[in-house]
Structure formats: structure tokens, C-alpha cells
Amino acid sequence: MDFMKQALILARRAAEHGDVPIGAVIVRDGKIIARGENLVQKKLNPTLHAEIVAINRACKKLGQKFLDDCDIYVSLEPCAMCATAISFARMRHIYFAATDEKGGGITSNARIFETDRHLWRPGVSQLSEYADASAQMLRDFFKQRRRKN
């Protein structure tokens, strides 16, 4: 199964209900165990980013607080809040599609894993073959939002 394609499907679903199109899936032993999409607008909660939603669902499903044998696939580079939550969940690896020059927490802006003091540092990989699709979805979403305003 192509996990990043699943994250992109969730991103489209987020856009359909007015949220920024970002999706995330958490994988364990080659299977998706949790999915998340941005729910900030839908639930009126600024913390309900796709990654946080997916982490909450994975922890509930597994009945544990650490996801150290899990990987997360996200359509956009996680922000500092989400990257920290991923670290606190002790996830093994982060895979993301597009970088986020303004809000990225890993490679583009906050770079939270570049400190020696971070408790848990997951592996990080960009799956650049999905970057254009993710970035285009975001551009289209914000272009449409600007037209409405």
C-alpha cells in the first residue's frame, strides 16, 4: 500500500470541510493503524492538526502512549507542535511530502530536532516525489480561500 497516497487522500478530505489540506497516516508492521486529517476548522480547535489526530487515534487503538514501532506519513512537513508531539510519542520515523517554508518544524523553520536536548529524535525523510501534488493542493486551497474573501 502506498501510505503517502493515503495521506494525500486525507488531505483532500480536510479541504472538503474547509480545513487546510493536510493528512497523516500512522503505520505499524506495514499496516495503517490510524488516520488523521486537519480538523482545526471543523472542530474549532487549533491543536487538531492531522498528525495530532492520527497520534490520538493510534494511542487509543493500541492502548499505549508510545508509538516507537510506528512510522508517520504526512502530506506536509510537520509544524513545531506536531514534530514535538511525534517526538513525545517516540515514533520511529517521519515521512513527509512537501516542505513548509513558513511553518515547518523539521527542515524549514523551527528545526526542532537539531538540538542535543531533544528527548527523542525520529528518523526523518522527505518523499519528494509527492511534494508537487501536496504543494499544489495547498496552493489551490489558499487560492480558493482568497477568492471567497
Protein backbone atom coordinates (compact mmCIF):
# COMPACT_ATOMS: atom_id res chain seq x y z
CA MET A 1 0.00 0.00 0.00
CA ASP A 2 1.24 3.49 -0.78
CA PHE A 3 0.99 5.24 2.57
CA MET A 4 1.69 8.76 1.28
CA LYS A 5 -1.12 8.43 -1.26
CA GLN A 6 -3.42 7.65 1.67
CA ALA A 7 -2.20 10.79 3.45
CA LEU A 8 -2.95 12.85 0.32
CA ILE A 9 -6.49 11.41 0.17
CA LEU A 10 -7.00 12.52 3.76
CA ALA A 11 -5.62 15.96 2.89
CA ARG A 12 -8.25 16.31 0.16
CA ARG A 13 -10.92 15.29 2.66
CA ALA A 14 -9.73 18.01 5.05
CA ALA A 15 -10.06 20.61 2.30
CA GLU A 16 -13.61 19.44 1.58
CA HIS A 17 -14.71 20.53 5.05
CA GLY A 18 -12.77 23.79 4.99
CA ASP A 19 -9.55 22.75 6.70
CA VAL A 20 -6.04 23.21 5.36
CA PRO A 21 -5.41 20.09 3.25
CA ILE A 22 -3.05 18.03 5.37
CA GLY A 23 -3.39 14.32 6.04
CA ALA A 24 -1.43 11.80 8.08
CA VAL A 25 -1.34 8.04 8.46
CA ILE A 26 0.44 6.02 11.10
CA VAL A 27 1.88 2.67 10.06
CA ARG A 28 2.90 -0.30 12.17
CA ASP A 29 4.15 -3.59 10.75
CA GLY A 30 3.30 -2.48 7.22
CA LYS A 31 -0.35 -1.65 8.02
CA ILE A 32 -2.16 1.61 8.63
CA ILE A 33 -3.31 1.69 12.24
CA ALA A 34 -4.55 5.29 12.36
CA ARG A 35 -5.51 8.11 10.06
CA GLY A 36 -5.84 11.82 10.63
CA GLU A 37 -6.78 14.91 8.71
CA ASN A 38 -6.78 18.53 9.79
CA LEU A 39 -9.88 19.19 11.89
CA VAL A 40 -9.00 22.67 13.14
CA GLN A 41 -11.88 24.46 11.39
CA LYS A 42 -14.36 21.61 11.62
CA LYS A 43 -13.92 21.19 15.39
CA LEU A 44 -12.83 24.78 16.13
CA ASN A 45 -9.71 23.56 17.89
CA PRO A 46 -6.26 24.90 16.88
CA THR A 47 -4.48 21.76 18.10
CA LEU A 48 -6.31 19.29 15.85
CA HIS A 49 -3.67 19.05 13.16
CA ALA A 50 -3.65 15.85 11.10
CA GLU A 51 -0.64 14.44 12.96
CA ILE A 52 -2.18 15.05 16.41
CA VAL A 53 -5.48 13.47 15.33
CA ALA A 54 -3.63 10.41 13.99
CA ILE A 55 -1.45 10.10 17.12
CA ASN A 56 -4.50 10.26 19.39
CA ARG A 57 -6.26 7.58 17.37
CA ALA A 58 -3.18 5.31 17.28
CA CYS A 59 -2.62 5.57 21.04
CA LYS A 60 -6.27 4.82 21.71
CA LYS A 61 -6.30 1.86 19.33
CA LEU A 62 -3.11 0.36 20.75
CA GLY A 63 -3.85 1.30 24.36
CA GLN A 64 -0.41 2.83 24.85
CA LYS A 65 1.27 6.22 24.94
CA PHE A 66 4.42 5.37 22.98
CA LEU A 67 4.41 4.54 19.27
CA ASP A 68 8.07 3.60 19.00
CA ASP A 69 7.41 0.84 16.47
CA CYS A 70 5.36 3.14 14.23
CA ASP A 71 6.07 5.49 11.34
CA ILE A 72 4.01 8.51 10.31
CA TYR A 73 3.39 9.68 6.74
CA VAL A 74 2.31 13.31 6.41
CA SER A 75 1.42 15.28 3.32
CA LEU A 76 3.24 18.39 4.62
CA GLU A 77 6.29 18.83 6.83
CA PRO A 78 5.03 18.84 10.42
CA CYS A 79 4.97 22.13 12.32
CA ALA A 80 6.90 22.51 15.58
CA MET A 81 3.87 21.44 17.65
CA CYS A 82 3.33 18.28 15.63
CA ALA A 83 7.02 17.42 15.36
CA THR A 84 7.25 17.70 19.15
CA ALA A 85 4.15 15.52 19.60
CA ILE A 86 5.68 12.94 17.26
CA SER A 87 8.82 13.04 19.39
CA PHE A 88 6.84 12.71 22.64
CA ALA A 89 5.06 9.68 21.14
CA ARG A 90 8.54 8.29 20.37
CA MET A 91 7.63 7.49 16.79
CA ARG A 92 10.31 5.73 14.79
CA HIS A 93 10.23 7.72 11.54
CA ILE A 94 8.55 10.72 9.89
CA TYR A 95 7.95 10.70 6.14
CA PHE A 96 6.60 13.92 4.62
CA ALA A 97 5.79 15.09 1.11
CA ALA A 98 6.17 18.87 0.81
CA THR A 99 8.31 21.19 2.90
CA ASP A 100 6.68 24.10 4.71
CA GLU A 101 8.88 27.17 4.43
CA LYS A 102 6.74 29.23 6.85
CA GLY A 103 5.54 26.76 9.44
CA GLY A 104 7.77 23.72 9.12
CA GLY A 105 9.19 22.38 12.33
CA ILE A 106 11.82 20.00 10.99
CA THR A 107 13.76 21.23 7.96
CA SER A 108 12.39 24.63 7.05
CA ASN A 109 11.84 26.78 10.10
CA ALA A 110 11.97 25.70 13.75
CA ARG A 111 14.22 22.66 13.10
CA ILE A 112 13.36 21.21 16.49
CA PHE A 113 15.40 18.04 16.08
CA GLU A 114 18.64 19.97 15.63
CA THR A 115 19.16 20.36 19.37
CA ASP A 116 21.03 17.92 21.58
CA ARG A 117 18.38 18.39 24.25
CA HIS A 118 15.52 16.83 22.37
CA LEU A 119 14.34 13.71 24.21
CA TRP A 120 13.52 11.55 21.19
CA ARG A 121 14.67 12.10 17.65
CA PRO A 122 12.82 10.12 14.99
CA GLY A 123 14.25 9.44 11.58
CA VAL A 124 13.12 11.98 9.00
CA SER A 125 12.71 11.55 5.25
CA GLN A 126 11.12 13.69 2.59
CA LEU A 127 9.33 11.71 -0.11
CA SER A 128 9.92 14.40 -2.73
CA GLU A 129 8.06 12.50 -5.45
CA TYR A 130 4.85 13.60 -3.65
CA ALA A 131 5.93 17.17 -2.93
CA ASP A 132 4.39 18.72 -6.04
CA ALA A 133 0.99 17.08 -5.53
CA SER A 134 0.86 18.18 -1.91
CA ALA A 135 2.08 21.71 -2.61
CA GLN A 136 -0.37 22.13 -5.48
CA MET A 137 -3.27 21.04 -3.27
CA LEU A 138 -2.24 23.66 -0.71
CA ARG A 139 -1.85 26.40 -3.34
CA ASP A 140 -5.28 25.61 -4.78
CA PHE A 141 -6.86 25.61 -1.33
CA PHE A 142 -5.48 29.03 -0.37
CA LYS A 143 -6.21 30.49 -3.81
CA GLN A 144 -9.84 29.42 -3.45
CA ARG A 145 -9.97 30.77 0.11
CA ARG A 146 -8.64 34.17 -1.05
CA ARG A 147 -11.33 34.30 -3.77
CA LYS A 148 -14.05 33.74 -1.18
CA ASN A 149 -12.74 36.58 0.96
